[in-house]
Amino acid sequence: MRKKEKNKISIIDLFAGPGGLGEGFMSLKNNDGESVFDIKLSIEKDINAHKTLTLRSFYRQFVKNNKRVPEDYYSALKESDLSKREILIEEMLDSYDEGTIARKEAKLIELGSEKWPAKTVDKIIKDQLENNKNWVLIGGPPCQAYSNVGRSRVGGISKEDHRVYLYEEYLRIIKKHKPAVFVMENVKGLLSAKVDGDKVFDWMKRDLKVGNNYEIHSLVKPITKDSDFLIKSEKYGVPQMRHRVILLGIRKDYCHKGEYLNEKNEVTLKSVIGNLPKVRSGLNRRFTHYHSTEVYQNGNPKRLYKNIPDSSVNWLREMSKNIDQIKVWGELGLNGLSDGPKEIELGKGSEFVMANNRISRNHILKDWYIDKRLKGFVNHESRTHLTQDLMRYLFACLYVEKHSTFPRLNDYAEHSKDLLPDHANVASGKFADRFRVQVPDRPATTVTSHISKDGHYFIHYDASQCRSLTVREAARIQTFPDNYLFRGSRTAQYHQVGNAVPPYLALQISEIVCNILNP
């Protein structure tokens, strides 16, 4: 092993998702432009996230030593056809030694499963660490069981839910392999989650001290209460109000130096997605009527739809009808749409869109996002929508322009009952904000994995585009660099982005960890 490789701080990344934490740590550079950290192993059970991790690891094998990334990487990113792109990626991984390293680093493993017993996982970790004792463990056990929304749907946490206990696998690896530092991330709901009346967070704090060999710290302030572990991402240059619990564990032969994250100026949504190429929403079908006799399993009448071919002509026709209806209501301004919708040259976008990589010259994240060799945007294709949803999106966008806040369901109802979605929860009041336009001059709301479902919580503020956010826009909100490709179907891409830790936040955490390990 070369000397400079030995000088890097090794990392094991558990429950890695698409690699947000790892990306941040690997982005910390020394004075020679080389990475301070070196990921030895990334473990993830989702096959699409694993593919994303593998490709990004390939990219990092070059970047971490300040070497030029091969043109093959960019050729693969510029291929819009998903099947052809996968072939190009796998051929590239086969052709370079860096591909072999990437496949060894990124492992498709379900921790805690019978297929992957502890003994097997421990051997993989030991082999990758090569007797290194002063390394860093990062990652966050699956968090759906702790989320406030998830608990409200099922009426609390069940002690039979195995996701509650997956942190024990994280804990077991700490006990067995004794990292110098660990960073564990989870959702805000962890602070209040209980099983049989016991707070899950109390278990974790107690157990993670691992026989008093570790001290647990907050990354934002000295600890006086549990909420001190909460990091509000919008305070640290992330254009998103993402609030997460992150614990910093330090082995007792190292010490905390009183360093915490430094707050930055707020970054607005528009400043990071406003210059991306415009794309329109896609069309799929229109609700027509209820079936006269057939019903769903819940007893509701079956809905029938008519397929609508997706084309610019059909989209312009639907938008024109919706604009005319807005004019009839009279209350909302049309902000440039008074003469009808404008055709959008790029249509609904693509897996690669050729365009200038633009962002404000003085933007705090300009150098973070932009790769001048890319000359475009990956994962920038809009999803398709019901024609009725296009009307709701248009109404919501124009409402935000007038009132600077998104409408609730009662605001839709005041204008027309046809604006209300045909949904069982409409009258319950639980989802009054079911359609949420992202306000341009503020950080976005939290991007979650739910964005893979329908996009109603993530409507673009630009009424002329009338759609939910693309994967690339969600990725920018999460602070993934533009050359970070998410593999798999578009639904899989959304899911990966929503589950990730913002890399730019992870970069700032890595600086604190680096200083702990380098006296």
Protein backbone atom coordinates (compact mmCIF):
# COMPACT_ATOMS: atom_id res chain seq x y z
CA MET A 1 0.00 0.00 0.00
CA ARG A 2 1.33 3.44 -0.90
CA LYS A 3 2.29 5.71 1.99
CA LYS A 4 -0.32 8.35 1.16
CA GLU A 5 -3.03 5.65 1.26
CA LYS A 6 -1.89 4.70 4.77
CA ASN A 7 -2.15 8.31 5.89
CA LYS A 8 -5.84 8.49 5.07
CA ILE A 9 -8.38 7.91 7.84
CA SER A 10 -10.34 4.72 7.11
CA ILE A 11 -14.15 4.69 7.14
CA ILE A 12 -16.76 1.94 7.37
CA ASP A 13 -20.22 3.12 6.26
CA LEU A 14 -23.20 1.05 7.51
CA PHE A 15 -26.77 1.38 6.23
CA ALA A 16 -25.13 3.61 3.63
CA GLY A 17 -28.13 4.34 1.38
CA PRO A 18 -26.86 6.08 -1.77
CA GLY A 19 -23.85 7.44 0.14
CA GLY A 20 -24.64 10.93 1.42
CA LEU A 21 -22.58 10.66 4.60
CA GLY A 22 -19.71 9.02 2.76
CA GLU A 23 -19.74 11.67 0.03
CA GLY A 24 -19.35 14.42 2.59
CA PHE A 25 -16.48 12.69 4.39
CA MET A 26 -14.70 11.86 1.13
CA SER A 27 -14.98 15.48 0.02
CA LEU A 28 -12.70 16.75 2.79
CA LYS A 29 -9.33 17.47 1.16
CA ASN A 30 -5.83 18.13 2.44
CA ASN A 31 -3.49 20.83 1.13
CA ASP A 32 -2.48 18.58 -1.78
CA GLY A 33 -6.07 18.23 -2.95
CA GLU A 34 -6.31 14.60 -1.81
CA SER A 35 -9.05 13.12 0.36
CA VAL A 36 -8.39 13.04 4.11
CA PHE A 37 -10.68 10.01 4.57
CA ASP A 38 -10.87 6.74 2.68
CA ILE A 39 -14.02 4.60 2.65
CA LYS A 40 -12.99 0.98 2.98
CA LEU A 41 -16.48 -0.50 3.06
CA SER A 42 -20.02 0.72 2.34
CA ILE A 43 -22.80 -1.66 3.32
CA GLU A 44 -26.32 -1.29 1.93
CA LYS A 45 -29.18 -3.76 1.40
CA ASP A 46 -31.10 -1.94 -1.38
CA ILE A 47 -29.87 -3.11 -4.78
CA ASN A 48 -30.34 0.24 -6.53
CA ALA A 49 -28.64 2.23 -3.79
CA HIS A 50 -25.84 -0.33 -3.88
CA LYS A 51 -25.40 0.26 -7.60
CA THR A 52 -25.26 4.01 -6.96
CA LEU A 53 -22.64 3.46 -4.24
CA THR A 54 -20.53 1.30 -6.55
CA LEU A 55 -20.46 3.87 -9.35
CA ARG A 56 -19.67 6.70 -6.96
CA SER A 57 -16.89 4.66 -5.38
CA PHE A 58 -15.40 4.22 -8.86
CA TYR A 59 -15.46 8.00 -9.32
CA ARG A 60 -13.84 8.57 -5.93
CA GLN A 61 -10.95 6.19 -6.60
CA PHE A 62 -9.66 8.86 -8.97
CA VAL A 63 -10.72 11.98 -7.08
CA LYS A 64 -9.37 10.93 -3.69
CA ASN A 65 -5.81 10.91 -5.08
CA ASN A 66 -6.31 14.01 -7.23
CA LYS A 67 -6.33 12.02 -10.48
CA ARG A 68 -8.36 12.78 -13.61
CA VAL A 69 -11.67 10.93 -13.85
CA PRO A 70 -11.80 9.03 -17.16
CA GLU A 71 -14.04 10.25 -19.96
CA ASP A 72 -15.86 6.89 -19.82
CA TYR A 73 -17.51 8.05 -16.60
CA TYR A 74 -19.02 11.10 -18.28
CA SER A 75 -20.03 9.10 -21.35
CA ALA A 76 -22.05 6.80 -19.11
CA LEU A 77 -23.70 9.75 -17.35
CA LYS A 78 -24.68 11.29 -20.68
CA GLU A 79 -26.52 8.17 -21.87
CA SER A 80 -30.25 8.82 -21.48
CA ASP A 81 -31.42 5.26 -22.08
CA LEU A 82 -31.43 3.48 -18.70
CA SER A 83 -30.65 0.02 -20.11
CA LYS A 84 -27.81 1.27 -22.30
CA ARG A 85 -26.45 3.33 -19.44
CA GLU A 86 -26.29 0.29 -17.17
CA ILE A 87 -24.36 -1.62 -19.83
CA LEU A 88 -21.87 1.24 -20.20
CA ILE A 89 -21.39 1.45 -16.43
CA GLU A 90 -20.81 -2.27 -15.94
CA GLU A 91 -18.40 -2.39 -18.90
CA MET A 92 -16.51 0.54 -17.42
CA LEU A 93 -16.28 -1.13 -14.01
CA ASP A 94 -14.91 -4.24 -15.73
CA SER A 95 -12.27 -2.23 -17.62
CA TYR A 96 -10.53 -0.39 -14.78
CA ASP A 97 -8.71 -1.52 -11.65
CA GLU A 98 -10.70 1.21 -9.89
CA GLY A 99 -13.85 -0.72 -10.80
CA THR A 100 -12.55 -3.79 -9.00
CA ILE A 101 -11.79 -1.67 -5.92
CA ALA A 102 -15.25 -0.07 -6.06
CA ARG A 103 -16.97 -3.45 -6.17
CA LYS A 104 -14.93 -4.60 -3.19
CA GLU A 105 -15.81 -1.45 -1.25
CA ALA A 106 -19.58 -1.34 -1.94
CA LYS A 107 -21.27 -4.45 -0.57
CA LEU A 108 -24.88 -5.55 -1.03
CA ILE A 109 -25.53 -6.84 2.49
CA GLU A 110 -28.62 -6.86 4.71
CA LEU A 111 -27.27 -6.40 8.20
CA GLY A 112 -29.03 -8.43 10.87
CA SER A 113 -30.38 -10.98 8.38
CA GLU A 114 -29.89 -14.74 8.47
CA LYS A 115 -28.11 -14.58 5.12
CA TRP A 116 -25.40 -12.36 6.60
CA PRO A 117 -24.46 -13.70 10.06
CA ALA A 118 -22.29 -11.55 12.31
CA LYS A 119 -19.24 -13.76 11.79
CA THR A 120 -19.31 -13.18 8.03
CA VAL A 121 -19.81 -9.43 8.34
CA ASP A 122 -17.03 -9.17 10.92
CA LYS A 123 -14.56 -10.90 8.61
CA ILE A 124 -15.37 -8.50 5.76
CA ILE A 125 -14.88 -5.49 8.05
CA LYS A 126 -11.62 -6.88 9.48
CA ASP A 127 -10.22 -7.63 6.03
CA GLN A 128 -11.02 -4.14 4.75
CA LEU A 129 -9.59 -2.37 7.81
CA GLU A 130 -6.28 -4.31 7.63
CA ASN A 131 -5.61 -4.03 11.40
CA ASN A 132 -6.21 -0.26 11.44
CA LYS A 133 -7.32 0.67 14.96
CA ASN A 134 -8.05 4.38 14.52
CA TRP A 135 -10.88 4.44 12.02
CA VAL A 136 -14.36 5.98 11.78
CA LEU A 137 -17.77 4.28 11.68
CA ILE A 138 -20.58 6.23 10.03
CA GLY A 139 -24.20 5.50 9.13
CA GLY A 140 -27.72 5.39 10.47
CA PRO A 141 -29.90 2.36 11.18
CA PRO A 142 -33.18 2.39 9.17
CA CYS A 143 -35.38 5.10 10.60
CA GLN A 144 -38.91 4.49 9.28
CA ALA A 145 -40.01 2.96 12.59
CA TYR A 146 -39.05 6.14 14.45
CA SER A 147 -40.52 8.72 12.08
CA ASN A 148 -43.43 10.75 13.45
CA VAL A 149 -45.49 10.25 10.29
CA GLY A 150 -44.89 6.50 10.22
CA ARG A 151 -45.86 6.12 13.86
CA SER A 152 -49.04 8.16 13.38
CA ARG A 153 -50.13 5.83 10.59
CA VAL A 154 -49.74 2.66 12.63
CA GLY A 155 -50.60 4.07 16.06
CA GLY A 156 -47.14 3.79 17.63
CA ILE A 157 -44.07 1.56 17.48
CA SER A 158 -44.43 -2.18 17.74
CA LYS A 159 -41.70 -4.00 19.64
CA GLU A 160 -41.97 -6.67 16.93
CA ASP A 161 -40.80 -4.14 14.30
CA HIS A 162 -37.24 -5.34 13.60
CA ARG A 163 -36.21 -1.85 12.41
CA VAL A 164 -36.37 -0.64 16.04
CA TYR A 165 -33.56 -3.01 16.94
CA LEU A 166 -31.28 -2.67 13.91
CA TYR A 167 -29.25 -0.12 15.85
CA GLU A 168 -28.12 -3.14 17.90
CA GLU A 169 -26.21 -4.38 14.84
CA TYR A 170 -24.55 -0.96 14.67
CA LEU A 171 -23.81 -1.28 18.40
CA ARG A 172 -22.45 -4.82 18.00
CA ILE A 173 -20.00 -3.65 15.34
CA ILE A 174 -18.81 -0.84 17.63
CA LYS A 175 -18.21 -3.34 20.44
CA LYS A 176 -16.44 -5.81 18.16
CA HIS A 177 -14.27 -3.48 16.06
CA LYS A 178 -13.86 -0.44 18.35
CA PRO A 179 -13.73 2.56 15.99
CA ALA A 180 -11.98 5.68 17.25
CA VAL A 181 -15.07 7.74 16.36
CA PHE A 182 -18.59 6.93 15.23
CA VAL A 183 -21.27 9.15 13.70
CA MET A 184 -24.84 7.84 13.90
CA GLU A 185 -27.74 9.59 12.16
CA ASN A 186 -31.48 9.15 12.61
CA VAL A 187 -34.79 10.98 12.30
CA LYS A 188 -36.14 13.60 14.71
CA GLY A 189 -38.84 11.16 15.82
CA LEU A 190 -36.17 9.09 17.57
CA LEU A 191 -36.22 11.63 20.43
CA SER A 192 -39.82 10.75 21.32
CA ALA A 193 -40.06 7.13 20.12
CA LYS A 194 -41.10 4.62 22.78
CA VAL A 195 -41.56 0.86 23.02
CA ASP A 196 -43.69 -0.35 25.93
CA GLY A 197 -43.28 3.06 27.55
CA ASP A 198 -39.46 3.09 27.34
CA LYS A 199 -37.72 5.79 25.29
CA VAL A 200 -35.70 4.26 22.47
CA PHE A 201 -33.26 7.18 22.61
CA ASP A 202 -32.45 6.42 26.25
CA TRP A 203 -31.55 2.86 25.24
CA MET A 204 -29.25 4.17 22.54
CA LYS A 205 -27.45 6.73 24.68
CA ARG A 206 -26.88 4.13 27.39
CA ASP A 207 -25.83 1.34 25.05
CA LEU A 208 -23.62 3.45 22.77
CA LYS A 209 -21.33 4.31 25.65
CA VAL A 210 -20.36 0.61 25.35
CA GLY A 211 -19.07 -0.03 28.84
CA ASN A 212 -18.06 3.62 29.26
CA ASN A 213 -15.40 3.30 26.56
CA TYR A 214 -17.07 6.07 24.55
CA GLU A 215 -18.35 9.55 25.26
CA ILE A 216 -21.43 10.73 23.36
CA HIS A 217 -21.49 14.32 22.08
CA SER A 218 -23.72 16.63 20.10
CA LEU A 219 -22.36 18.25 16.94
CA VAL A 220 -24.05 21.60 17.58
CA LYS A 221 -23.69 22.44 21.29
CA PRO A 222 -22.78 21.07 24.75
CA ILE A 223 -25.47 18.64 25.87
CA THR A 224 -28.04 19.72 28.44
CA LYS A 225 -31.08 17.92 27.00
CA ASP A 226 -31.95 15.38 24.29
CA SER A 227 -32.96 18.04 21.75
CA ASP A 228 -29.34 19.25 21.75
CA PHE A 229 -28.57 16.30 19.45
CA LEU A 230 -30.91 17.73 16.81
CA ILE A 231 -29.26 19.29 13.75
CA LYS A 232 -31.33 21.74 11.70
CA SER A 233 -29.72 21.48 8.29
CA GLU A 234 -30.92 24.88 7.04
CA LYS A 235 -28.61 26.51 9.59
CA TYR A 236 -25.56 24.96 7.95
CA GLY A 237 -25.87 25.89 4.29
CA VAL A 238 -28.30 23.14 3.23
CA PRO A 239 -31.28 24.51 1.24
CA GLN A 240 -33.72 22.34 3.18
CA MET A 241 -35.41 22.33 6.58
CA ARG A 242 -34.21 18.84 7.37
CA HIS A 243 -34.00 18.14 11.11
CA ARG A 244 -32.11 15.02 12.13
CA VAL A 245 -30.62 13.51 15.26
CA ILE A 246 -26.88 12.88 14.88
CA LEU A 247 -24.71 11.43 17.65
CA LEU A 248 -20.93 11.76 17.79
CA GLY A 249 -19.23 8.97 19.72
CA ILE A 250 -15.58 9.37 20.70
CA ARG A 251 -13.42 6.58 22.11
CA LYS A 252 -11.88 7.62 25.42
CA ASP A 253 -8.29 7.58 24.19
CA TYR A 254 -9.33 10.58 22.08
CA CYS A 255 -11.00 13.71 23.34
CA HIS A 256 -13.63 16.18 22.25
CA LYS A 257 -12.06 19.54 21.46
CA GLY A 258 -15.10 21.71 22.01
CA GLU A 259 -15.70 22.13 18.27
CA TYR A 260 -19.23 22.40 16.89
CA LEU A 261 -20.80 23.09 13.52
CA ASN A 262 -20.65 26.75 12.50
CA GLU A 263 -23.93 28.28 11.37
CA LYS A 264 -24.10 29.75 7.85
CA ASN A 265 -26.41 32.07 5.95
CA GLU A 266 -29.70 30.50 4.87
CA VAL A 267 -29.71 29.08 1.33
CA THR A 268 -33.01 29.39 -0.55
CA LEU A 269 -34.62 26.82 -2.79
CA LYS A 270 -34.69 29.09 -5.84
CA SER A 271 -30.97 29.79 -5.58
CA VAL A 272 -30.16 26.10 -6.14
CA ILE A 273 -32.86 24.93 -8.60
CA GLY A 274 -33.96 28.19 -10.24
CA ASN A 275 -31.36 27.97 -13.01
CA LEU A 276 -31.89 24.32 -13.89
CA PRO A 277 -33.36 23.70 -17.36
CA LYS A 278 -37.13 24.11 -17.50
CA VAL A 279 -39.13 20.94 -18.10
CA ARG A 280 -42.88 20.41 -18.19
CA SER A 281 -44.95 17.81 -16.39
CA GLY A 282 -45.77 14.61 -18.20
CA LEU A 283 -49.30 13.36 -18.86
CA ASN A 284 -50.65 9.92 -18.17
CA ARG A 285 -54.46 9.77 -17.70
CA ARG A 286 -57.65 11.57 -16.71
CA PHE A 287 -60.19 10.44 -14.14
CA THR A 288 -63.56 10.07 -15.91
CA HIS A 289 -66.11 8.46 -13.59
CA TYR A 290 -66.84 5.80 -11.00
CA HIS A 291 -67.74 2.25 -11.97
CA SER A 292 -71.44 1.65 -11.44
CA THR A 293 -71.03 -1.68 -9.67
CA GLU A 294 -67.40 -2.58 -8.97
CA VAL A 295 -65.76 -1.46 -5.71
CA TYR A 296 -62.30 -1.63 -4.15
CA GLN A 297 -61.58 -3.88 -1.16
CA ASN A 298 -62.28 -0.97 1.21
CA GLY A 299 -65.79 -0.65 -0.21
CA ASN A 300 -65.19 2.59 -2.15
CA PRO A 301 -66.43 2.69 -5.74
CA LYS A 302 -63.84 1.81 -8.37
CA ARG A 303 -62.40 4.80 -10.28
CA LEU A 304 -62.10 4.68 -14.05
CA TYR A 305 -59.59 6.62 -16.12
CA LYS A 306 -58.86 7.54 -19.71
CA ASN A 307 -55.28 7.35 -20.93
CA ILE A 308 -53.89 10.63 -22.28
CA PRO A 309 -50.92 10.34 -24.69
CA ASP A 310 -48.04 12.44 -23.48
CA SER A 311 -47.09 15.17 -25.93
CA SER A 312 -46.40 18.89 -25.90
CA VAL A 313 -49.62 19.46 -27.84
CA ASN A 314 -51.75 17.63 -25.28
CA TRP A 315 -49.94 19.29 -22.39
CA LEU A 316 -50.50 22.76 -23.85
CA ARG A 317 -54.17 21.92 -24.37
CA GLU A 318 -54.60 20.81 -20.73
CA MET A 319 -52.73 23.84 -19.43
CA SER A 320 -54.84 26.19 -21.56
CA LYS A 321 -58.05 24.76 -20.09
CA ASN A 322 -56.67 25.15 -16.57
CA ILE A 323 -55.54 28.73 -17.17
CA ASP A 324 -58.98 29.61 -18.51
CA GLN A 325 -60.53 28.22 -15.32
CA ILE A 326 -58.17 30.30 -13.17
CA LYS A 327 -59.33 33.37 -15.12
CA VAL A 328 -62.96 32.51 -14.34
CA TRP A 329 -62.21 32.37 -10.62
CA GLY A 330 -60.54 35.75 -10.96
CA GLU A 331 -58.79 35.87 -7.60
CA LEU A 332 -55.32 34.63 -8.55
CA GLY A 333 -52.83 36.36 -10.83
CA LEU A 334 -51.40 34.44 -13.76
CA ASN A 335 -47.85 35.86 -13.63
CA GLY A 336 -46.97 35.64 -17.33
CA LEU A 337 -49.54 32.98 -18.23
CA SER A 338 -52.35 35.40 -19.18
CA ASP A 339 -51.78 34.71 -22.86
CA GLY A 340 -51.70 30.95 -22.33
CA PRO A 341 -48.97 28.39 -21.59
CA LYS A 342 -45.57 28.56 -23.26
CA GLU A 343 -44.13 25.51 -24.98
CA ILE A 344 -41.08 24.15 -23.15
CA GLU A 345 -38.34 23.15 -25.55
CA LEU A 346 -36.96 20.27 -23.48
CA GLY A 347 -40.38 18.72 -22.95
CA LYS A 348 -40.46 16.65 -19.77
CA GLY A 349 -36.68 16.34 -19.67
CA SER A 350 -34.52 13.23 -19.74
CA GLU A 351 -32.03 11.13 -17.81
CA PHE A 352 -29.47 13.50 -19.29
CA VAL A 353 -30.20 17.05 -20.40
CA MET A 354 -27.51 19.01 -22.22
CA ALA A 355 -27.32 22.50 -20.72
CA ASN A 356 -25.01 24.99 -19.07
CA ASN A 357 -24.32 24.18 -15.42
CA ARG A 358 -25.45 27.53 -14.09
CA ILE A 359 -25.68 28.90 -10.59
CA SER A 360 -24.97 32.30 -9.10
CA ARG A 361 -21.26 33.16 -9.29
CA ASN A 362 -21.02 33.92 -5.57
CA HIS A 363 -23.26 31.09 -4.35
CA ILE A 364 -21.88 29.21 -1.33
CA LEU A 365 -22.49 25.87 -3.12
CA LYS A 366 -21.32 26.81 -6.63
CA ASP A 367 -18.07 24.84 -6.54
CA TRP A 368 -19.79 22.06 -4.61
CA TYR A 369 -22.41 21.36 -7.30
CA ILE A 370 -20.71 22.17 -10.57
CA ASP A 371 -18.59 19.83 -12.69
CA LYS A 372 -17.52 21.68 -15.84
CA ARG A 373 -16.84 18.41 -17.67
CA LEU A 374 -20.45 17.26 -17.34
CA LYS A 375 -22.02 20.03 -19.47
CA GLY A 376 -25.54 19.11 -18.45
CA PHE A 377 -27.76 17.48 -15.82
CA VAL A 378 -28.41 13.82 -15.01
CA ASN A 379 -31.68 12.48 -13.54
CA HIS A 380 -33.63 15.54 -14.72
CA GLU A 381 -36.88 14.10 -16.06
CA SER A 382 -40.31 15.01 -14.71
CA ARG A 383 -42.84 12.38 -13.71
CA THR A 384 -46.29 12.07 -15.28
CA HIS A 385 -49.45 13.30 -13.56
CA LEU A 386 -53.21 12.98 -13.68
CA THR A 387 -54.74 15.87 -15.62
CA GLN A 388 -56.73 16.76 -12.48
CA ASP A 389 -53.46 17.04 -10.54
CA LEU A 390 -52.11 19.49 -13.11
CA MET A 391 -54.99 21.79 -12.25
CA ARG A 392 -54.25 21.43 -8.53
CA TYR A 393 -50.55 22.11 -9.12
CA LEU A 394 -51.27 25.22 -11.19
CA PHE A 395 -53.72 26.53 -8.59
CA ALA A 396 -51.24 25.84 -5.79
CA CYS A 397 -48.34 27.58 -7.57
CA LEU A 398 -50.38 30.71 -8.25
CA TYR A 399 -51.71 30.67 -4.70
CA VAL A 400 -48.14 30.67 -3.35
CA GLU A 401 -47.21 33.55 -5.63
CA LYS A 402 -50.04 35.61 -4.16
CA HIS A 403 -49.96 34.52 -0.51
CA SER A 404 -46.33 33.32 -0.01
CA THR A 405 -47.61 30.10 1.55
CA PHE A 406 -49.04 26.94 0.05
CA PRO A 407 -52.81 26.32 0.16
CA ARG A 408 -54.46 23.85 2.51
CA LEU A 409 -57.29 21.60 1.37
CA ASN A 410 -59.90 24.04 2.66
CA ASP A 411 -58.40 26.69 0.33
CA TYR A 412 -58.91 24.34 -2.59
CA ALA A 413 -62.48 23.68 -1.50
CA GLU A 414 -63.28 27.41 -1.36
CA HIS A 415 -62.60 27.67 -5.09
CA SER A 416 -64.05 24.42 -6.38
CA LYS A 417 -64.92 20.97 -5.05
CA ASP A 418 -63.28 19.60 -8.21
CA LEU A 419 -59.92 20.74 -6.83
CA LEU A 420 -60.26 18.35 -3.88
CA PRO A 421 -58.52 15.00 -4.44
CA ASP A 422 -60.63 11.87 -4.42
CA HIS A 423 -58.91 10.51 -1.36
CA ALA A 424 -60.16 8.74 1.75
CA ASN A 425 -58.30 11.12 4.08
CA VAL A 426 -59.63 14.37 2.61
CA ALA A 427 -62.26 14.86 5.29
CA SER A 428 -60.08 13.61 8.16
CA GLY A 429 -58.00 16.77 8.46
CA LYS A 430 -54.81 14.67 8.81
CA PHE A 431 -53.46 15.63 5.40
CA ALA A 432 -54.68 19.19 4.95
CA ASP A 433 -51.33 20.00 3.31
CA ARG A 434 -51.48 17.07 0.88
CA PHE A 435 -50.45 19.34 -2.02
CA ARG A 436 -47.45 21.43 -1.01
CA VAL A 437 -45.72 23.93 -3.26
CA GLN A 438 -42.11 24.55 -2.31
CA VAL A 439 -41.71 28.27 -1.58
CA PRO A 440 -38.84 29.73 -3.66
CA ASP A 441 -37.35 32.26 -1.22
CA ARG A 442 -36.98 29.80 1.68
CA PRO A 443 -35.20 26.48 2.16
CA ALA A 444 -37.29 23.54 0.95
CA THR A 445 -39.24 21.34 3.33
CA THR A 446 -37.71 17.97 4.19
CA VAL A 447 -37.13 15.73 1.18
CA THR A 448 -38.22 12.26 2.29
CA SER A 449 -38.54 8.87 0.62
CA HIS A 450 -42.26 9.65 0.14
CA ILE A 451 -41.22 11.74 -2.86
CA SER A 452 -40.98 8.40 -4.69
CA LYS A 453 -44.76 7.94 -4.31
CA ASP A 454 -46.50 10.87 -5.98
CA GLY A 455 -44.59 14.14 -5.56
CA HIS A 456 -47.60 16.06 -4.19
CA TYR A 457 -45.55 17.38 -1.26
CA PHE A 458 -42.82 18.62 -3.59
CA ILE A 459 -44.48 20.81 -6.23
CA HIS A 460 -42.18 23.16 -8.15
CA TYR A 461 -42.96 26.82 -7.48
CA ASP A 462 -42.84 27.75 -11.21
CA ALA A 463 -46.42 27.63 -12.51
CA SER A 464 -45.24 27.59 -16.13
CA GLN A 465 -43.69 24.13 -15.55
CA CYS A 466 -46.62 22.81 -13.45
CA ARG A 467 -45.04 19.69 -11.99
CA SER A 468 -43.39 18.06 -9.03
CA LEU A 469 -39.63 18.18 -8.54
CA THR A 470 -37.29 16.08 -10.66
CA VAL A 471 -34.75 13.74 -9.06
CA ARG A 472 -31.98 16.22 -9.87
CA GLU A 473 -33.82 19.08 -8.19
CA ALA A 474 -34.37 16.92 -5.11
CA ALA A 475 -30.70 15.94 -5.24
CA ARG A 476 -29.65 19.61 -5.32
CA ILE A 477 -31.86 20.28 -2.31
CA GLN A 478 -30.03 17.42 -0.60
CA THR A 479 -26.69 18.97 -1.78
CA PHE A 480 -25.55 16.09 -3.97
CA PRO A 481 -23.06 17.27 -6.63
CA ASP A 482 -24.41 17.41 -10.18
CA ASN A 483 -22.12 14.56 -11.29
CA TYR A 484 -23.61 12.20 -8.69
CA LEU A 485 -25.70 9.72 -10.69
CA PHE A 486 -28.57 7.85 -9.04
CA ARG A 487 -29.06 4.45 -10.67
CA GLY A 488 -32.21 2.39 -11.07
CA SER A 489 -35.70 3.44 -12.12
CA ARG A 490 -36.88 6.99 -11.49
CA THR A 491 -38.91 5.76 -8.50
CA ALA A 492 -35.78 4.09 -7.09
CA GLN A 493 -33.80 7.29 -7.68
CA TYR A 494 -36.33 9.39 -5.73
CA HIS A 495 -36.29 6.87 -2.90
CA GLN A 496 -32.50 7.01 -2.63
CA VAL A 497 -32.38 10.80 -2.59
CA GLY A 498 -35.09 11.03 0.05
CA ASN A 499 -33.32 8.62 2.41
CA ALA A 500 -29.90 10.29 2.21
CA VAL A 501 -27.91 12.52 4.54
CA PRO A 502 -27.07 15.87 2.87
CA PRO A 503 -23.42 15.50 1.78
CA TYR A 504 -22.61 19.17 2.40
CA LEU A 505 -23.67 18.76 6.03
CA ALA A 506 -21.59 15.57 6.23
CA LEU A 507 -18.57 17.49 4.94
CA GLN A 508 -18.83 19.88 7.89
CA ILE A 509 -19.16 16.97 10.30
CA SER A 510 -16.06 15.38 8.76
CA GLU A 511 -13.99 18.46 9.62
CA ILE A 512 -14.82 18.02 13.31
CA VAL A 513 -14.01 14.31 13.17
CA CYS A 514 -10.73 14.95 11.37
CA ASN A 515 -9.63 17.39 14.05
CA ILE A 516 -10.44 14.89 16.79
CA LEU A 517 -8.22 12.26 15.16
CA ASN A 518 -5.38 14.64 14.30
CA PRO A 519 -4.01 16.19 17.50
